[in-house]
N, C-alpha and C. Protein backbone atom coordinates (compact mmCIF):
# COMPACT_ATOMS: atom_id res chain seq x y z
N UNK A 1 168.41 118.32 53.99
CA UNK A 1 167.18 118.15 53.26
C UNK A 1 167.45 118.32 51.77
N UNK A 2 166.56 117.87 50.93
CA UNK A 2 166.78 117.82 49.50
C UNK A 2 166.71 119.17 48.81
N UNK A 3 166.13 120.17 49.46
CA UNK A 3 166.04 121.48 48.84
C UNK A 3 165.94 122.55 49.91
N UNK A 4 166.37 123.75 49.58
CA UNK A 4 166.29 124.88 50.51
C UNK A 4 164.85 125.32 50.62
N UNK A 5 164.48 125.74 51.79
CA UNK A 5 163.11 126.20 52.01
C UNK A 5 163.03 127.69 51.70
N UNK A 6 162.49 128.02 50.55
CA UNK A 6 162.31 129.41 50.15
C UNK A 6 160.83 129.60 49.89
N UNK A 7 160.17 130.53 50.61
CA UNK A 7 158.74 130.70 50.41
C UNK A 7 158.43 131.17 49.00
N UNK A 8 157.24 130.84 48.58
CA UNK A 8 156.78 131.28 47.27
C UNK A 8 155.74 130.32 46.74
N UNK A 9 154.99 130.76 45.79
CA UNK A 9 154.01 129.88 45.18
C UNK A 9 153.85 130.27 43.73
N UNK A 10 153.28 129.37 42.99
CA UNK A 10 153.10 129.60 41.57
C UNK A 10 151.68 129.21 41.20
N UNK A 11 151.08 129.94 40.30
CA UNK A 11 149.74 129.58 39.85
C UNK A 11 149.80 129.14 38.39
N UNK A 12 150.93 128.59 38.00
CA UNK A 12 151.12 128.14 36.63
C UNK A 12 150.11 127.05 36.29
N UNK A 13 149.81 126.91 35.02
CA UNK A 13 148.90 125.86 34.57
C UNK A 13 149.52 124.50 34.85
N UNK A 14 148.75 123.57 35.44
CA UNK A 14 149.29 122.25 35.75
C UNK A 14 149.77 121.53 34.49
N UNK A 15 150.90 120.85 34.58
CA UNK A 15 151.41 120.09 33.44
C UNK A 15 150.43 118.98 33.05
N UNK A 16 150.25 118.78 31.76
CA UNK A 16 149.27 117.81 31.26
C UNK A 16 149.69 116.37 31.53
N UNK A 17 151.00 116.09 31.62
CA UNK A 17 151.46 114.72 31.76
C UNK A 17 151.69 114.30 33.22
N UNK A 18 151.40 115.19 34.18
CA UNK A 18 151.60 114.86 35.60
C UNK A 18 150.54 113.87 36.06
N UNK A 19 150.96 112.91 36.89
CA UNK A 19 150.02 111.93 37.43
C UNK A 19 149.23 112.57 38.57
N UNK A 20 147.91 112.40 38.53
CA UNK A 20 147.05 112.92 39.59
C UNK A 20 146.89 111.86 40.68
N UNK A 21 147.14 112.28 41.92
CA UNK A 21 146.94 111.41 43.08
C UNK A 21 145.99 112.13 44.02
N UNK A 22 144.84 111.51 44.29
CA UNK A 22 143.88 112.08 45.22
C UNK A 22 144.33 111.75 46.64
N UNK A 23 144.23 112.75 47.53
CA UNK A 23 144.71 112.61 48.91
C UNK A 23 143.58 112.96 49.87
N UNK A 24 143.41 112.11 50.88
CA UNK A 24 142.42 112.37 51.92
C UNK A 24 143.05 112.22 53.29
N UNK A 25 142.61 113.05 54.23
CA UNK A 25 143.08 112.94 55.62
C UNK A 25 141.86 112.94 56.53
N UNK A 26 141.76 111.91 57.37
CA UNK A 26 140.66 111.82 58.34
C UNK A 26 141.29 111.85 59.73
N UNK A 27 141.10 112.97 60.44
CA UNK A 27 141.73 113.19 61.73
C UNK A 27 140.91 112.56 62.85
N UNK A 28 141.58 111.73 63.67
CA UNK A 28 140.88 111.05 64.77
C UNK A 28 141.29 111.56 66.15
N UNK A 29 142.43 112.26 66.25
CA UNK A 29 142.86 112.77 67.54
C UNK A 29 143.89 113.88 67.34
N UNK A 30 143.81 114.89 68.21
CA UNK A 30 144.80 115.97 68.21
C UNK A 30 145.30 116.10 69.64
N UNK A 31 146.62 115.98 69.82
CA UNK A 31 147.21 116.11 71.14
C UNK A 31 147.27 117.56 71.56
N UNK A 32 147.91 117.82 72.67
CA UNK A 32 147.97 119.17 73.23
C UNK A 32 148.50 120.17 72.20
N UNK A 33 147.73 121.21 72.01
CA UNK A 33 148.13 122.30 71.12
C UNK A 33 148.86 123.32 71.98
N UNK A 34 150.20 123.38 71.83
CA UNK A 34 151.05 124.27 72.61
C UNK A 34 151.21 125.59 71.87
N UNK A 35 150.53 126.63 72.35
CA UNK A 35 150.58 127.93 71.68
C UNK A 35 151.97 128.53 71.67
N UNK A 36 152.74 128.32 72.75
CA UNK A 36 154.08 128.89 72.84
C UNK A 36 155.00 128.38 71.75
N UNK A 37 154.93 127.08 71.48
CA UNK A 37 155.81 126.47 70.47
C UNK A 37 155.11 126.32 69.12
N UNK A 38 153.79 126.45 69.10
CA UNK A 38 153.05 126.21 67.86
C UNK A 38 153.06 124.75 67.47
N UNK A 39 153.17 123.86 68.47
CA UNK A 39 153.31 122.42 68.18
C UNK A 39 152.07 121.64 68.62
N UNK A 40 151.89 120.49 67.99
CA UNK A 40 150.78 119.60 68.32
C UNK A 40 151.08 118.23 67.76
N UNK A 41 150.48 117.22 68.38
CA UNK A 41 150.54 115.86 67.85
C UNK A 41 149.20 115.60 67.19
N UNK A 42 149.22 114.94 66.05
CA UNK A 42 147.97 114.68 65.34
C UNK A 42 147.97 113.24 64.84
N UNK A 43 146.85 112.56 65.05
CA UNK A 43 146.67 111.16 64.69
C UNK A 43 145.61 111.11 63.59
N UNK A 44 145.95 110.55 62.43
CA UNK A 44 145.01 110.59 61.31
C UNK A 44 145.26 109.44 60.34
N UNK A 45 144.23 109.18 59.53
CA UNK A 45 144.33 108.24 58.42
C UNK A 45 144.62 109.05 57.17
N UNK A 46 145.61 108.62 56.39
CA UNK A 46 145.99 109.30 55.16
C UNK A 46 145.75 108.34 54.00
N UNK A 47 144.95 108.77 53.04
CA UNK A 47 144.58 107.92 51.90
C UNK A 47 145.12 108.51 50.61
N UNK A 48 145.75 107.65 49.80
CA UNK A 48 146.20 108.01 48.45
C UNK A 48 145.41 107.15 47.47
N UNK A 49 144.92 107.78 46.40
CA UNK A 49 144.06 107.09 45.44
C UNK A 49 144.40 107.59 44.05
N UNK A 50 144.57 106.67 43.10
CA UNK A 50 144.89 107.04 41.73
C UNK A 50 144.11 106.17 40.75
N UNK A 51 143.86 106.70 39.56
CA UNK A 51 143.17 105.91 38.54
C UNK A 51 144.06 104.79 38.02
N UNK A 52 145.37 105.03 37.98
CA UNK A 52 146.33 104.00 37.59
C UNK A 52 147.09 103.54 38.81
N UNK A 53 148.25 102.94 38.59
CA UNK A 53 149.10 102.53 39.72
C UNK A 53 149.62 103.77 40.44
N UNK A 54 149.63 103.70 41.77
CA UNK A 54 150.20 104.80 42.56
C UNK A 54 151.69 104.90 42.27
N UNK A 55 152.25 106.10 42.33
CA UNK A 55 153.70 106.24 42.13
C UNK A 55 154.46 105.45 43.19
N UNK A 56 155.68 105.09 42.86
CA UNK A 56 156.53 104.37 43.80
C UNK A 56 156.68 105.18 45.08
N UNK A 57 156.54 104.50 46.21
CA UNK A 57 156.68 105.16 47.50
C UNK A 57 155.37 105.57 48.13
N UNK A 58 154.25 105.28 47.46
CA UNK A 58 152.92 105.60 48.00
C UNK A 58 152.15 104.34 48.37
N UNK A 59 152.78 103.19 48.26
CA UNK A 59 152.14 101.92 48.61
C UNK A 59 153.16 100.99 49.26
N UNK A 60 153.94 101.54 50.20
CA UNK A 60 154.98 100.75 50.85
C UNK A 60 154.83 100.83 52.36
N UNK A 61 155.24 99.78 53.04
CA UNK A 61 155.23 99.79 54.50
C UNK A 61 156.62 100.06 55.06
N UNK A 62 157.58 100.36 54.20
CA UNK A 62 158.94 100.68 54.64
C UNK A 62 159.10 102.19 54.70
N UNK A 63 159.29 102.71 55.90
CA UNK A 63 159.39 104.15 56.09
C UNK A 63 160.49 104.77 55.24
N UNK A 64 161.59 104.07 55.08
CA UNK A 64 162.71 104.62 54.30
C UNK A 64 162.39 104.75 52.81
N UNK A 65 161.34 104.07 52.34
CA UNK A 65 160.99 104.11 50.92
C UNK A 65 159.82 105.04 50.62
N UNK A 66 159.24 105.68 51.65
CA UNK A 66 158.11 106.57 51.42
C UNK A 66 158.51 107.74 50.54
N UNK A 67 157.63 108.13 49.62
CA UNK A 67 157.93 109.24 48.72
C UNK A 67 157.32 110.55 49.19
N UNK A 68 156.45 110.52 50.18
CA UNK A 68 155.85 111.75 50.67
C UNK A 68 156.46 112.15 52.00
N UNK A 69 156.41 113.46 52.29
CA UNK A 69 156.93 113.97 53.55
C UNK A 69 156.04 115.10 54.05
N UNK A 70 156.11 115.34 55.36
CA UNK A 70 155.35 116.41 55.98
C UNK A 70 156.26 117.63 56.08
N UNK A 71 155.84 118.71 55.46
CA UNK A 71 156.66 119.91 55.36
C UNK A 71 156.73 120.63 56.71
N UNK A 72 155.68 120.55 57.51
CA UNK A 72 155.64 121.28 58.77
C UNK A 72 155.89 120.39 59.99
N UNK A 73 156.70 119.36 59.83
CA UNK A 73 157.04 118.50 60.96
C UNK A 73 157.47 117.11 60.50
N UNK A 74 157.37 116.16 61.41
CA UNK A 74 157.80 114.79 61.14
C UNK A 74 156.76 113.79 61.62
N UNK A 75 156.69 112.67 60.93
CA UNK A 75 155.82 111.58 61.37
C UNK A 75 156.55 110.77 62.44
N UNK A 76 155.89 110.57 63.56
CA UNK A 76 156.46 109.74 64.63
C UNK A 76 156.26 108.27 64.31
N UNK A 77 155.12 107.96 63.67
CA UNK A 77 154.89 106.58 63.23
C UNK A 77 154.02 106.58 61.98
N UNK A 78 154.33 105.66 61.07
CA UNK A 78 153.60 105.50 59.82
C UNK A 78 153.31 104.02 59.66
N UNK A 79 152.03 103.67 59.56
CA UNK A 79 151.64 102.27 59.41
C UNK A 79 150.76 102.12 58.17
N UNK A 80 151.19 101.29 57.23
CA UNK A 80 150.39 101.00 56.05
C UNK A 80 149.31 99.99 56.44
N UNK A 81 148.05 100.39 56.36
CA UNK A 81 146.95 99.51 56.76
C UNK A 81 146.48 98.63 55.62
N UNK A 82 146.42 99.21 54.41
CA UNK A 82 146.00 98.42 53.25
C UNK A 82 146.46 99.10 51.96
N UNK A 83 146.66 98.29 50.94
CA UNK A 83 146.98 98.82 49.61
C UNK A 83 146.64 97.76 48.57
N UNK A 84 146.24 98.23 47.39
CA UNK A 84 146.03 97.33 46.27
C UNK A 84 146.79 97.85 45.03
N UNK A 85 147.68 98.81 45.26
CA UNK A 85 148.44 99.38 44.15
C UNK A 85 147.85 100.66 43.62
N UNK A 86 146.49 100.78 43.70
CA UNK A 86 145.82 102.00 43.25
C UNK A 86 145.32 102.84 44.41
N UNK A 87 145.11 102.21 45.56
CA UNK A 87 144.67 102.90 46.78
C UNK A 87 145.54 102.42 47.93
N UNK A 88 146.01 103.37 48.74
CA UNK A 88 146.77 103.04 49.95
C UNK A 88 146.19 103.82 51.12
N UNK A 89 146.09 103.16 52.27
CA UNK A 89 145.60 103.81 53.49
C UNK A 89 146.66 103.64 54.57
N UNK A 90 147.09 104.78 55.13
CA UNK A 90 148.08 104.80 56.20
C UNK A 90 147.43 105.33 57.49
N UNK A 91 147.93 104.85 58.63
CA UNK A 91 147.60 105.46 59.93
C UNK A 91 148.87 106.16 60.39
N UNK A 92 148.76 107.45 60.65
CA UNK A 92 149.94 108.27 60.92
C UNK A 92 149.77 109.04 62.23
N UNK A 93 150.82 109.04 63.02
CA UNK A 93 150.93 109.91 64.19
C UNK A 93 152.08 110.85 63.89
N UNK A 94 151.81 112.15 63.84
CA UNK A 94 152.83 113.12 63.46
C UNK A 94 152.94 114.23 64.49
N UNK A 95 154.16 114.73 64.65
CA UNK A 95 154.43 115.91 65.48
C UNK A 95 154.65 117.07 64.52
N UNK A 96 153.70 118.00 64.51
CA UNK A 96 153.71 119.07 63.54
C UNK A 96 153.77 120.44 64.22
N UNK A 97 154.08 121.46 63.41
CA UNK A 97 154.24 122.83 63.90
C UNK A 97 153.50 123.77 62.97
N UNK A 98 153.09 124.90 63.54
CA UNK A 98 152.41 125.93 62.76
C UNK A 98 152.78 127.29 63.35
N UNK A 99 152.96 128.32 62.53
CA UNK A 99 153.21 129.66 63.09
C UNK A 99 151.97 130.13 63.86
N UNK A 100 152.19 130.73 65.01
CA UNK A 100 151.10 131.19 65.86
C UNK A 100 151.09 132.71 65.87
N UNK A 101 149.92 133.30 65.66
CA UNK A 101 149.76 134.75 65.68
C UNK A 101 148.91 135.11 66.89
N UNK A 102 149.53 135.76 67.89
CA UNK A 102 148.83 136.11 69.13
C UNK A 102 148.51 137.61 69.22
N UNK A 103 148.54 138.31 68.11
CA UNK A 103 148.28 139.75 68.14
C UNK A 103 146.88 140.09 68.65
N UNK A 104 145.91 139.19 68.45
CA UNK A 104 144.53 139.46 68.89
C UNK A 104 144.17 138.68 70.15
N UNK A 105 145.16 138.10 70.84
CA UNK A 105 144.90 137.32 72.06
C UNK A 105 144.16 138.20 73.07
N UNK A 106 143.15 137.74 73.76
CA UNK A 106 142.62 136.38 73.83
C UNK A 106 141.49 136.12 72.84
N UNK A 107 141.35 136.98 71.84
CA UNK A 107 140.29 136.80 70.85
C UNK A 107 140.86 136.26 69.55
N UNK A 108 142.01 135.63 69.63
CA UNK A 108 142.68 135.13 68.44
C UNK A 108 142.01 133.87 67.90
N UNK A 109 142.30 133.60 66.67
CA UNK A 109 141.92 132.35 66.01
C UNK A 109 143.20 131.73 65.48
N UNK A 110 143.27 130.43 65.53
CA UNK A 110 144.46 129.72 65.07
C UNK A 110 144.04 128.65 64.07
N UNK A 111 145.01 127.94 63.52
CA UNK A 111 144.71 126.85 62.60
C UNK A 111 145.79 125.77 62.74
N UNK A 112 145.34 124.54 62.69
CA UNK A 112 146.24 123.39 62.70
C UNK A 112 146.31 122.88 61.26
N UNK A 113 147.52 122.60 60.77
CA UNK A 113 147.65 122.15 59.38
C UNK A 113 148.45 120.86 59.27
N UNK A 114 148.18 120.14 58.20
CA UNK A 114 148.99 119.01 57.75
C UNK A 114 149.45 119.38 56.34
N UNK A 115 150.76 119.58 56.15
CA UNK A 115 151.29 119.98 54.85
C UNK A 115 152.13 118.85 54.28
N UNK A 116 151.80 118.44 53.07
CA UNK A 116 152.38 117.25 52.46
C UNK A 116 152.91 117.56 51.06
N UNK A 117 154.12 117.06 50.76
CA UNK A 117 154.69 117.16 49.41
C UNK A 117 155.39 115.85 49.07
N UNK A 118 155.63 115.65 47.80
CA UNK A 118 156.47 114.54 47.37
C UNK A 118 157.92 114.92 47.62
N UNK A 119 158.74 113.96 48.00
CA UNK A 119 160.14 114.24 48.31
C UNK A 119 160.96 114.58 47.08
N UNK A 120 160.66 113.96 45.94
CA UNK A 120 161.52 114.10 44.76
C UNK A 120 160.79 114.56 43.51
N UNK A 121 159.54 114.18 43.35
CA UNK A 121 158.82 114.47 42.11
C UNK A 121 158.30 115.91 42.09
N UNK A 122 158.62 116.60 41.02
CA UNK A 122 158.16 117.98 40.86
C UNK A 122 156.71 118.00 40.37
N UNK A 123 156.17 119.20 40.25
CA UNK A 123 154.77 119.35 39.84
C UNK A 123 154.53 118.83 38.43
N UNK A 124 155.59 118.70 37.64
CA UNK A 124 155.43 118.16 36.28
C UNK A 124 155.24 116.65 36.29
N UNK A 125 155.50 116.01 37.43
CA UNK A 125 155.38 114.55 37.54
C UNK A 125 154.19 114.11 38.39
N UNK A 126 153.86 114.88 39.43
CA UNK A 126 152.77 114.49 40.32
C UNK A 126 151.98 115.72 40.75
N UNK A 127 150.65 115.57 40.77
CA UNK A 127 149.74 116.62 41.22
C UNK A 127 148.77 116.00 42.22
N UNK A 128 148.57 116.66 43.34
CA UNK A 128 147.62 116.18 44.34
C UNK A 128 146.25 116.78 44.08
N UNK A 129 145.22 116.03 44.42
CA UNK A 129 143.84 116.47 44.23
C UNK A 129 143.01 116.02 45.43
N UNK A 130 141.81 116.54 45.52
CA UNK A 130 140.94 116.27 46.66
C UNK A 130 140.33 114.87 46.62
N UNK A 131 140.19 114.28 47.80
CA UNK A 131 139.46 113.02 47.97
C UNK A 131 138.43 113.24 49.08
N UNK A 132 137.30 113.89 48.77
CA UNK A 132 136.34 114.31 49.79
C UNK A 132 135.79 113.17 50.64
N UNK A 133 135.64 111.98 50.06
CA UNK A 133 135.10 110.85 50.82
C UNK A 133 136.06 110.35 51.90
N UNK A 134 137.35 110.68 51.76
CA UNK A 134 138.37 110.22 52.72
C UNK A 134 138.88 111.36 53.60
N UNK A 135 138.21 112.51 53.58
CA UNK A 135 138.68 113.69 54.29
C UNK A 135 137.65 114.13 55.32
N UNK A 136 138.13 114.40 56.54
CA UNK A 136 137.22 114.90 57.56
C UNK A 136 137.86 114.95 58.93
N UNK A 137 137.06 115.41 59.88
CA UNK A 137 137.46 115.54 61.27
C UNK A 137 136.47 114.73 62.10
N UNK A 138 136.97 113.75 62.83
CA UNK A 138 136.09 112.90 63.63
C UNK A 138 135.34 113.75 64.65
N UNK A 139 134.07 113.42 64.88
CA UNK A 139 133.24 114.21 65.79
C UNK A 139 133.71 114.13 67.24
N UNK A 140 134.53 113.14 67.59
CA UNK A 140 135.02 112.98 68.95
C UNK A 140 136.32 113.75 69.22
N UNK A 141 136.86 114.43 68.21
CA UNK A 141 138.10 115.19 68.41
C UNK A 141 137.81 116.39 69.30
N UNK A 142 138.60 116.51 70.38
CA UNK A 142 138.46 117.61 71.33
C UNK A 142 139.82 118.28 71.50
N UNK A 143 139.84 119.60 71.40
CA UNK A 143 141.04 120.37 71.68
C UNK A 143 140.65 121.32 72.81
N UNK A 144 141.16 121.07 74.00
CA UNK A 144 140.74 121.81 75.18
C UNK A 144 140.97 123.31 74.99
N UNK A 145 139.90 124.07 75.22
CA UNK A 145 139.96 125.52 75.08
C UNK A 145 139.64 126.03 73.68
N UNK A 146 139.43 125.10 72.75
CA UNK A 146 139.19 125.49 71.36
C UNK A 146 138.00 124.74 70.78
N UNK A 147 137.36 125.36 69.81
CA UNK A 147 136.33 124.70 69.02
C UNK A 147 136.90 124.52 67.62
N UNK A 148 136.93 123.27 67.16
CA UNK A 148 137.47 122.98 65.83
C UNK A 148 136.38 123.12 64.77
N UNK A 149 136.72 123.80 63.71
CA UNK A 149 135.83 123.97 62.56
C UNK A 149 136.08 122.81 61.57
N UNK A 150 135.23 122.62 60.58
CA UNK A 150 135.43 121.53 59.62
C UNK A 150 136.78 121.62 58.90
N UNK A 151 137.35 120.48 58.63
CA UNK A 151 138.65 120.38 57.95
C UNK A 151 138.51 120.83 56.50
N UNK A 152 139.46 121.63 56.04
CA UNK A 152 139.50 122.10 54.65
C UNK A 152 140.76 121.58 53.97
N UNK A 153 140.69 121.40 52.67
CA UNK A 153 141.88 120.98 51.92
C UNK A 153 142.20 122.02 50.85
N UNK A 154 143.50 122.14 50.56
CA UNK A 154 143.99 123.11 49.58
C UNK A 154 145.17 122.48 48.84
N UNK A 155 145.28 122.77 47.56
CA UNK A 155 146.34 122.21 46.73
C UNK A 155 146.95 123.34 45.93
N UNK A 156 148.29 123.47 45.98
CA UNK A 156 148.95 124.57 45.29
C UNK A 156 150.39 124.20 44.98
N UNK A 157 150.99 124.99 44.09
CA UNK A 157 152.40 124.83 43.77
C UNK A 157 153.23 125.61 44.78
N UNK A 158 154.42 125.09 45.08
CA UNK A 158 155.35 125.78 45.96
C UNK A 158 156.70 125.83 45.26
N UNK A 159 157.27 127.03 45.15
CA UNK A 159 158.49 127.25 44.39
C UNK A 159 159.71 127.16 45.31
N UNK A 160 160.67 126.33 44.93
CA UNK A 160 161.96 126.20 45.61
C UNK A 160 163.04 126.57 44.60
N UNK A 161 164.28 126.79 45.05
CA UNK A 161 165.36 127.13 44.12
C UNK A 161 165.58 126.08 43.03
N UNK A 162 165.28 124.81 43.34
CA UNK A 162 165.53 123.76 42.35
C UNK A 162 164.27 123.28 41.64
N UNK A 163 163.16 124.00 41.76
CA UNK A 163 161.97 123.60 41.02
C UNK A 163 160.68 123.86 41.77
N UNK A 164 159.58 123.49 41.11
CA UNK A 164 158.24 123.68 41.66
C UNK A 164 157.70 122.33 42.10
N UNK A 165 157.22 122.27 43.34
CA UNK A 165 156.64 121.04 43.89
C UNK A 165 155.19 121.30 44.25
N UNK A 166 154.35 120.29 44.08
CA UNK A 166 152.93 120.45 44.38
C UNK A 166 152.70 120.10 45.84
N UNK A 167 151.94 120.96 46.54
CA UNK A 167 151.70 120.79 47.97
C UNK A 167 150.22 120.54 48.24
N UNK A 168 149.98 119.62 49.15
CA UNK A 168 148.65 119.33 49.65
C UNK A 168 148.60 119.81 51.10
N UNK A 169 147.60 120.62 51.44
CA UNK A 169 147.50 121.12 52.81
C UNK A 169 146.09 120.92 53.34
N UNK A 170 146.00 120.30 54.53
CA UNK A 170 144.74 120.15 55.23
C UNK A 170 144.77 121.13 56.41
N UNK A 171 143.70 121.87 56.60
CA UNK A 171 143.64 122.90 57.64
C UNK A 171 142.42 122.71 58.52
N UNK A 172 142.63 122.79 59.83
CA UNK A 172 141.53 122.77 60.80
C UNK A 172 141.54 124.13 61.51
N UNK A 173 140.60 125.04 61.15
CA UNK A 173 140.52 126.33 61.83
C UNK A 173 140.06 126.14 63.28
N UNK A 174 140.62 126.92 64.19
CA UNK A 174 140.27 126.84 65.61
C UNK A 174 139.78 128.19 66.11
N UNK A 175 138.71 128.14 66.92
CA UNK A 175 138.21 129.33 67.59
C UNK A 175 138.20 129.05 69.08
N UNK A 176 138.45 130.06 69.88
CA UNK A 176 138.44 129.88 71.34
C UNK A 176 137.04 129.51 71.82
N UNK A 177 137.00 128.63 72.83
CA UNK A 177 135.73 128.17 73.38
C UNK A 177 135.23 129.17 74.41
N UNK A 178 134.02 129.64 74.26
CA UNK A 178 133.36 130.48 75.26
C UNK A 178 134.14 131.72 75.62
N UNK A 179 134.04 132.10 76.90
CA UNK A 179 134.67 133.32 77.37
C UNK A 179 135.79 133.04 78.37
N UNK A 180 136.25 131.78 78.45
CA UNK A 180 137.25 131.44 79.47
C UNK A 180 138.57 132.17 79.27
N UNK A 181 139.04 132.27 78.04
CA UNK A 181 140.32 132.96 77.79
C UNK A 181 140.24 134.43 78.13
N UNK A 182 139.21 135.18 77.68
CA UNK A 182 139.13 136.58 78.06
C UNK A 182 139.02 136.76 79.59
N UNK A 183 138.27 135.88 80.25
CA UNK A 183 138.14 135.98 81.70
C UNK A 183 139.48 135.81 82.39
N UNK A 184 140.30 134.87 81.93
CA UNK A 184 141.61 134.64 82.52
C UNK A 184 142.52 135.86 82.39
N UNK A 185 142.30 136.65 81.36
CA UNK A 185 143.13 137.84 81.15
C UNK A 185 142.57 139.04 81.91
N UNK A 186 141.27 139.28 81.79
CA UNK A 186 140.71 140.53 82.30
C UNK A 186 140.32 140.49 83.77
N UNK A 187 139.91 139.37 84.33
CA UNK A 187 139.53 139.30 85.74
C UNK A 187 140.71 139.62 86.64
N UNK A 188 141.89 139.01 86.44
CA UNK A 188 143.04 139.37 87.29
C UNK A 188 143.41 140.86 87.18
N UNK A 189 143.31 141.42 85.96
CA UNK A 189 143.62 142.83 85.80
C UNK A 189 142.62 143.70 86.55
N UNK A 190 141.34 143.32 86.50
CA UNK A 190 140.30 144.06 87.21
C UNK A 190 140.52 143.99 88.72
N UNK A 191 140.87 142.79 89.22
CA UNK A 191 141.11 142.62 90.65
C UNK A 191 142.33 143.41 91.10
N UNK A 192 143.34 143.47 90.27
CA UNK A 192 144.57 144.18 90.62
C UNK A 192 144.30 145.66 90.72
């Protein structure tokens, strides 16, 4: 990979000459959420929008030329649906991962995320921003055993040994559905 993964963040003032690219994610399907591995498949539309021309690699249908990458996994398929140079819409199926905290199981809450960064451009060259009209969670999305809360977006700097990169993160908070999980834990214990 192009840089070592070292955790950290910076709240430095955004560079004035960085190009702003608005990013939206509209989730249409979430595959099995495997708590043991912290893995899930997610199907979504990803929109990039800029006042000027989009940076190179944000309006291409060639996977090898894409300038963005998913920090918490890999895209299984990327399809460019439309572009006019200033706006690009992709349909993406990605296999992603998230750390799982089971300390409060079966009353735990989890979150599914999509984390995106530019592969080469630092925060001095590109900054991501919100695109609320292109961001959301389809009402037909079902995650068995969980209730999905509205999708949230967050934008921040991430510090690596070779520089600061701007990160876009979409988060879907999850809460357990009803009392099925506690029943599965406590009923067998009570019977025993």
